[in-house]
Amino acid sequence: MPRKAVFVVLFVALLSGCRKSSTPAANSSTAAQVTFHIRGKVVSTDAAHVTLDGEAVPGFMDAMTMPYKLKDPIVATELHPGDRITATILAARDGSDFANVRLDNVVIISQARPDYKPAVQYHVPKAGDVVPDFKLLNQSGRTIDLAQFKGKVLLLTFIYTRCPLADFCVRMSRNFAEVDKSLAADPALYKQTHLLSISFDPAYDTPKVLRSYGGAYTGQYTKEKFLHWDFAAPTEKELPAVTQYFDVGVTPGDSKTLTHSLSTVLIGKDGKIIAWYPNNEWKPADVVAQMKQAAGI
């Protein structure tokens, strides 16, 4: 297999081998193409992506763990968990939003130990799994738990309000707004469903912040009563259990960093998972159809 896609650099003796945004995704006709440089440790890979525990990138984002699409997918075959890399971030910027984020010019600066094992094993949500009764603090300062939504079809996702990426949290919240609007058009279905956006940044995303963020996405702002769509966050203590169960969250390391992988889950009336969407490719109309089927309408 050709290895020109990734340059491996090993050093041995005598040898050197989210400000929050509620605007739409960047439009290719107006967005400026920008680049940033990043360093970090590979957490995992798939056919076309690498999840990177990245250092802070000035002008782009704080230190955090998140998946990146690779400009050249063959690069994924050369990367292993624990490898340390440098790379170029390619993105389209429109104002303060970033879209079409990809990694290019990947360079491995140190390879992982052969016995490398991830510090945390994340649970992969599967259909039929019973969801634990996690407790959260919502936008109204009230403690809610997942068990209270039994009897309704629940759609939940993970966001944080300062996310700068139009293709990530912003898209999830816009998708949820579209789902909410579609459900509201069918009163019978609306009564049997609920939406929940969970922040994995509880230190910043207080009830007041979540209330402002949520009101902007429902379009009701300060008039929003949040009867059908909650915005909530676990406590710092509960955060690891919640995020690890839903395959998103905090990655242990030299310091805790926010994980920006995507995780949206559809849960049935019985509290069991119906479907898991681990990316931003799901369509609101398709999910609404699944919710309608799950509600028996």
Protein backbone atom coordinates (compact mmCIF):
# COMPACT_ATOMS: atom_id res chain seq x y z
CA MET A 1 0.00 0.00 0.00
CA PRO A 2 1.43 3.42 -0.88
CA ARG A 3 2.50 5.39 2.17
CA LYS A 4 2.89 8.79 0.56
CA ALA A 5 -0.37 10.03 2.09
CA VAL A 6 1.18 10.32 5.55
CA PHE A 7 4.73 11.32 6.38
CA VAL A 8 6.01 9.54 9.50
CA VAL A 9 8.54 11.53 11.50
CA LEU A 10 10.37 9.63 14.25
CA PHE A 11 13.19 11.12 16.28
CA VAL A 12 16.05 8.80 17.32
CA ALA A 13 19.80 9.24 17.98
CA LEU A 14 21.46 10.95 14.99
CA LEU A 15 18.28 10.52 12.91
CA SER A 16 15.10 12.48 12.48
CA GLY A 17 12.81 10.45 10.49
CA CYS A 18 -17.74 27.35 20.46
CA ARG A 19 -18.55 30.80 20.56
CA LYS A 20 -22.09 29.96 20.21
CA SER A 21 -23.67 30.68 16.84
CA SER A 22 -27.21 30.28 15.58
CA THR A 23 -26.53 31.21 11.97
CA PRO A 24 -26.78 28.76 9.04
CA ALA A 25 -23.81 26.80 7.76
CA ALA A 26 -21.39 28.79 5.65
CA ASN A 27 -22.41 29.35 2.04
CA SER A 28 -19.73 28.28 -0.41
CA SER A 29 -20.31 31.40 -2.51
CA THR A 30 -19.48 33.78 0.34
CA ALA A 31 -17.29 31.73 2.70
CA ALA A 32 -13.56 32.36 2.78
CA GLN A 33 -11.26 29.34 2.74
CA VAL A 34 -8.98 29.39 5.78
CA THR A 35 -6.32 27.10 7.24
CA PHE A 36 -5.09 26.39 10.75
CA HIS A 37 -2.36 24.15 12.15
CA ILE A 38 -3.14 21.58 14.83
CA ARG A 39 -1.24 19.09 16.98
CA GLY A 40 -2.83 16.24 18.91
CA LYS A 41 -3.17 12.55 19.74
CA VAL A 42 -5.21 10.11 17.66
CA VAL A 43 -8.11 8.65 19.66
CA SER A 44 -9.73 6.55 16.93
CA THR A 45 -10.25 6.30 13.17
CA ASP A 46 -12.80 5.01 10.71
CA ALA A 47 -12.89 4.83 6.92
CA ALA A 48 -12.74 8.59 6.36
CA HIS A 49 -12.35 10.28 9.75
CA VAL A 50 -9.93 10.63 12.63
CA THR A 51 -10.96 11.55 16.15
CA LEU A 52 -8.20 13.75 17.51
CA ASP A 53 -7.45 14.88 21.07
CA GLY A 54 -6.23 18.24 19.82
CA GLU A 55 -4.39 21.13 21.39
CA ALA A 56 -5.91 24.61 21.31
CA VAL A 57 -5.98 26.23 17.88
CA PRO A 58 -5.92 30.05 18.19
CA GLY A 59 -8.74 31.62 16.24
CA PHE A 60 -10.50 28.29 15.75
CA MET A 61 -11.27 26.50 19.03
CA ASP A 62 -10.10 25.56 22.50
CA ALA A 63 -8.33 22.27 23.20
CA MET A 64 -10.84 19.48 22.70
CA THR A 65 -11.40 16.04 21.26
CA MET A 66 -13.47 15.84 18.10
CA PRO A 67 -13.73 13.90 14.82
CA TYR A 68 -12.31 15.39 11.64
CA LYS A 69 -13.05 14.37 8.08
CA LEU A 70 -9.85 13.53 6.22
CA LYS A 71 -9.27 15.23 2.88
CA ASP A 72 -7.57 12.01 1.74
CA PRO A 73 -9.39 9.02 3.32
CA ILE A 74 -6.43 6.69 2.72
CA VAL A 75 -4.67 8.51 5.57
CA ALA A 76 -6.94 6.69 8.04
CA THR A 77 -5.21 3.39 7.23
CA GLU A 78 -1.90 4.81 8.44
CA LEU A 79 -3.10 6.13 11.79
CA HIS A 80 -3.42 4.30 15.09
CA PRO A 81 -4.79 5.26 18.53
CA GLY A 82 -2.08 7.00 20.49
CA ASP A 83 -0.18 8.35 17.48
CA ARG A 84 0.74 12.02 17.86
CA ILE A 85 0.29 14.06 14.71
CA THR A 86 0.40 17.52 13.23
CA ALA A 87 -1.98 18.52 10.45
CA THR A 88 -3.55 21.39 8.56
CA ILE A 89 -7.19 22.21 9.22
CA LEU A 90 -9.04 23.31 6.08
CA ALA A 91 -12.32 25.16 6.63
CA ALA A 92 -14.78 27.56 5.05
CA ARG A 93 -15.35 30.62 7.25
CA ASP A 94 -18.37 32.88 6.98
CA GLY A 95 -18.22 35.44 9.76
CA SER A 96 -17.69 33.49 12.98
CA ASP A 97 -18.92 30.15 11.56
CA PHE A 98 -16.74 27.34 10.24
CA ALA A 99 -18.02 24.66 7.86
CA ASN A 100 -16.66 21.86 5.66
CA VAL A 101 -13.86 21.20 8.17
CA ARG A 102 -11.21 18.71 6.97
CA LEU A 103 -7.68 17.62 7.86
CA ASP A 104 -4.85 17.64 5.34
CA ASN A 105 -1.04 17.34 5.41
CA VAL A 106 -1.13 14.83 8.27
CA VAL A 107 2.30 14.13 9.77
CA ILE A 108 2.90 11.48 12.46
CA ILE A 109 5.49 12.89 14.84
CA SER A 110 5.47 9.94 17.27
CA GLN A 111 3.90 6.51 17.04
CA ALA A 112 1.83 4.83 19.73
CA ARG A 113 3.19 2.09 21.93
CA PRO A 114 2.18 -1.38 20.66
CA ASP A 115 0.34 -2.01 23.94
CA TYR A 116 -1.66 1.24 23.78
CA LYS A 117 -5.17 1.00 25.20
CA PRO A 118 -7.68 3.86 25.45
CA ALA A 119 -8.03 5.23 28.98
CA VAL A 120 -11.83 5.15 28.69
CA GLN A 121 -14.02 2.60 26.93
CA TYR A 122 -17.07 4.33 25.48
CA HIS A 123 -20.38 2.51 25.16
CA VAL A 124 -21.72 2.32 21.61
CA PRO A 125 -25.50 2.88 21.70
CA LYS A 126 -27.43 -0.01 20.14
CA ALA A 127 -31.09 -0.61 19.38
CA GLY A 128 -32.73 -2.32 22.34
CA ASP A 129 -30.37 -0.91 24.98
CA VAL A 130 -32.15 0.33 28.11
CA VAL A 131 -31.12 3.93 28.75
CA PRO A 132 -29.97 4.64 32.34
CA ASP A 133 -31.98 7.14 34.37
CA PHE A 134 -29.50 10.01 34.16
CA LYS A 135 -30.34 13.23 36.01
CA LEU A 136 -29.83 16.66 34.43
CA LEU A 137 -30.35 20.32 35.32
CA ASN A 138 -32.50 22.03 32.70
CA GLN A 139 -32.86 25.58 31.42
CA SER A 140 -35.38 26.40 34.16
CA GLY A 141 -33.08 25.29 36.96
CA ARG A 142 -35.11 22.13 37.58
CA THR A 143 -33.66 18.64 37.93
CA ILE A 144 -35.07 16.29 35.32
CA ASP A 145 -34.33 12.62 34.64
CA LEU A 146 -34.63 10.46 31.55
CA ALA A 147 -37.12 8.11 33.20
CA GLN A 148 -39.72 10.89 33.33
CA PHE A 149 -39.97 10.75 29.54
CA LYS A 150 -41.10 7.12 29.48
CA GLY A 151 -44.41 6.91 27.68
CA LYS A 152 -43.16 9.39 25.09
CA VAL A 153 -40.79 9.05 22.14
CA LEU A 154 -37.64 10.96 23.10
CA LEU A 155 -35.07 12.40 20.70
CA LEU A 156 -31.89 13.61 22.39
CA THR A 157 -28.63 15.06 21.15
CA PHE A 158 -25.44 16.56 22.55
CA ILE A 159 -24.26 20.15 22.08
CA TYR A 160 -22.43 22.93 23.82
CA THR A 161 -23.45 26.52 23.37
CA ARG A 162 -20.02 27.94 22.48
CA CYS A 163 -19.48 25.52 19.60
CA PRO A 164 -18.01 27.44 16.61
CA LEU A 165 -18.68 24.77 13.97
CA ALA A 166 -21.67 25.20 11.68
CA ASP A 167 -21.55 21.50 10.75
CA PHE A 168 -21.64 20.27 14.35
CA CYS A 169 -23.62 21.70 17.29
CA VAL A 170 -25.17 24.45 15.20
CA ARG A 171 -26.45 21.93 12.68
CA MET A 172 -27.78 19.64 15.43
CA SER A 173 -29.72 22.50 17.00
CA ARG A 174 -31.06 23.68 13.65
CA ASN A 175 -32.08 20.09 12.83
CA PHE A 176 -33.86 19.82 16.18
CA ALA A 177 -35.65 23.11 15.52
CA GLU A 178 -36.89 21.68 12.22
CA VAL A 179 -37.97 18.44 13.91
CA ASP A 180 -39.80 20.42 16.61
CA LYS A 181 -41.64 22.47 13.99
CA SER A 182 -42.67 19.35 12.06
CA LEU A 183 -43.92 17.62 15.20
CA ALA A 184 -45.91 20.70 16.22
CA ALA A 185 -47.78 20.49 12.92
CA ASP A 186 -49.26 17.17 14.11
CA PRO A 187 -50.88 17.77 17.55
CA ALA A 188 -51.38 14.06 18.26
CA LEU A 189 -47.73 13.29 17.51
CA TYR A 190 -46.54 16.37 19.37
CA LYS A 191 -48.16 15.15 22.60
CA GLN A 192 -46.38 11.80 22.36
CA THR A 193 -42.87 13.13 21.73
CA HIS A 194 -40.19 15.20 23.44
CA LEU A 195 -36.84 16.71 22.48
CA LEU A 196 -33.78 17.03 24.71
CA SER A 197 -30.48 18.81 23.97
CA ILE A 198 -27.77 17.89 26.48
CA SER A 199 -24.71 20.08 26.97
CA PHE A 200 -21.39 18.46 27.79
CA ASP A 201 -20.05 21.79 29.06
CA PRO A 202 -21.90 22.18 32.39
CA ALA A 203 -19.36 24.61 33.84
CA TYR A 204 -20.30 27.22 31.22
CA ASP A 205 -23.75 26.08 30.11
CA THR A 206 -25.73 27.12 33.18
CA PRO A 207 -29.55 27.15 33.17
CA LYS A 208 -29.47 30.85 32.24
CA VAL A 209 -27.15 30.23 29.27
CA LEU A 210 -29.15 27.20 28.11
CA ARG A 211 -32.41 29.16 28.39
CA SER A 212 -31.08 31.93 26.16
CA TYR A 213 -29.60 29.45 23.67
CA GLY A 214 -32.75 27.32 23.54
CA GLY A 215 -35.09 30.28 23.17
CA ALA A 216 -33.11 31.46 20.16
CA TYR A 217 -33.49 28.11 18.41
CA THR A 218 -37.21 27.76 19.10
CA GLY A 219 -37.69 31.31 17.87
CA GLN A 220 -39.66 32.27 20.99
CA TYR A 221 -36.69 33.77 22.84
CA THR A 222 -37.76 34.99 26.31
CA LYS A 223 -41.36 33.84 25.70
CA GLU A 224 -40.36 30.18 25.30
CA LYS A 225 -41.92 27.88 27.95
CA PHE A 226 -39.85 24.78 27.02
CA LEU A 227 -42.81 22.40 27.26
CA HIS A 228 -41.66 20.18 24.39
CA TRP A 229 -37.91 20.76 24.08
CA ASP A 230 -35.57 20.82 27.07
CA PHE A 231 -31.98 22.06 27.18
CA ALA A 232 -30.06 20.55 30.07
CA ALA A 233 -26.68 19.49 31.41
CA PRO A 234 -25.47 16.87 33.89
CA THR A 235 -23.42 17.83 36.91
CA GLU A 236 -19.64 17.69 36.57
CA LYS A 237 -19.73 14.50 38.66
CA GLU A 238 -22.32 12.83 36.43
CA LEU A 239 -20.83 14.07 33.15
CA PRO A 240 -18.44 11.12 32.51
CA ALA A 241 -21.16 8.50 32.99
CA VAL A 242 -23.59 10.32 30.69
CA THR A 243 -21.12 11.08 27.93
CA GLN A 244 -19.44 7.67 27.95
CA TYR A 245 -22.80 5.92 27.69
CA PHE A 246 -23.80 7.96 24.65
CA ASP A 247 -20.29 7.84 23.09
CA VAL A 248 -19.52 11.53 23.50
CA GLY A 249 -17.91 13.59 26.20
CA VAL A 250 -14.75 14.10 28.18
CA THR A 251 -11.47 12.43 27.25
CA PRO A 252 -9.08 11.90 30.20
CA GLY A 253 -5.56 13.13 29.60
CA ASP A 254 -3.14 15.72 30.94
CA SER A 255 -6.23 17.88 31.40
CA LYS A 256 -9.90 17.37 30.67
CA THR A 257 -10.94 18.43 27.19
CA LEU A 258 -14.36 18.60 25.64
CA THR A 259 -15.20 15.88 23.15
CA HIS A 260 -16.96 17.22 20.10
CA SER A 261 -18.07 14.01 18.48
CA LEU A 262 -21.75 13.87 17.54
CA SER A 263 -24.35 11.63 19.12
CA THR A 264 -28.10 11.79 18.54
CA VAL A 265 -30.32 9.06 19.96
CA LEU A 266 -33.96 8.11 19.40
CA ILE A 267 -35.53 6.44 22.45
CA GLY A 268 -38.86 4.63 22.49
CA LYS A 269 -41.74 4.93 24.94
CA ASP A 270 -40.30 1.97 26.86
CA GLY A 271 -37.01 3.76 27.52
CA LYS A 272 -35.06 1.63 25.04
CA ILE A 273 -32.91 2.92 22.20
CA ILE A 274 -34.50 2.73 18.76
CA ALA A 275 -31.72 4.32 16.69
CA TRP A 276 -28.37 6.07 17.08
CA TYR A 277 -27.06 8.74 14.70
CA PRO A 278 -23.29 9.25 15.31
CA ASN A 279 -22.77 11.96 12.68
CA ASN A 280 -24.40 15.01 11.08
CA GLU A 281 -25.82 13.20 8.06
CA TRP A 282 -29.27 12.38 9.44
CA LYS A 283 -32.24 14.23 7.96
CA PRO A 284 -34.97 15.81 10.13
CA ALA A 285 -37.75 14.46 7.90
CA ASP A 286 -36.43 10.89 8.22
CA VAL A 287 -36.21 11.14 12.00
CA VAL A 288 -39.73 12.61 12.25
CA ALA A 289 -40.99 9.62 10.25
CA GLN A 290 -39.24 7.26 12.69
CA MET A 291 -40.72 9.12 15.65
CA LYS A 292 -44.19 8.86 14.15
CA GLN A 293 -43.75 5.12 13.67
CA ALA A 294 -42.46 4.71 17.23
CA ALA A 295 -45.44 6.66 18.56
CA GLY A 296 -47.79 4.29 16.74
CA ILE A 297 -49.42 7.00 14.69
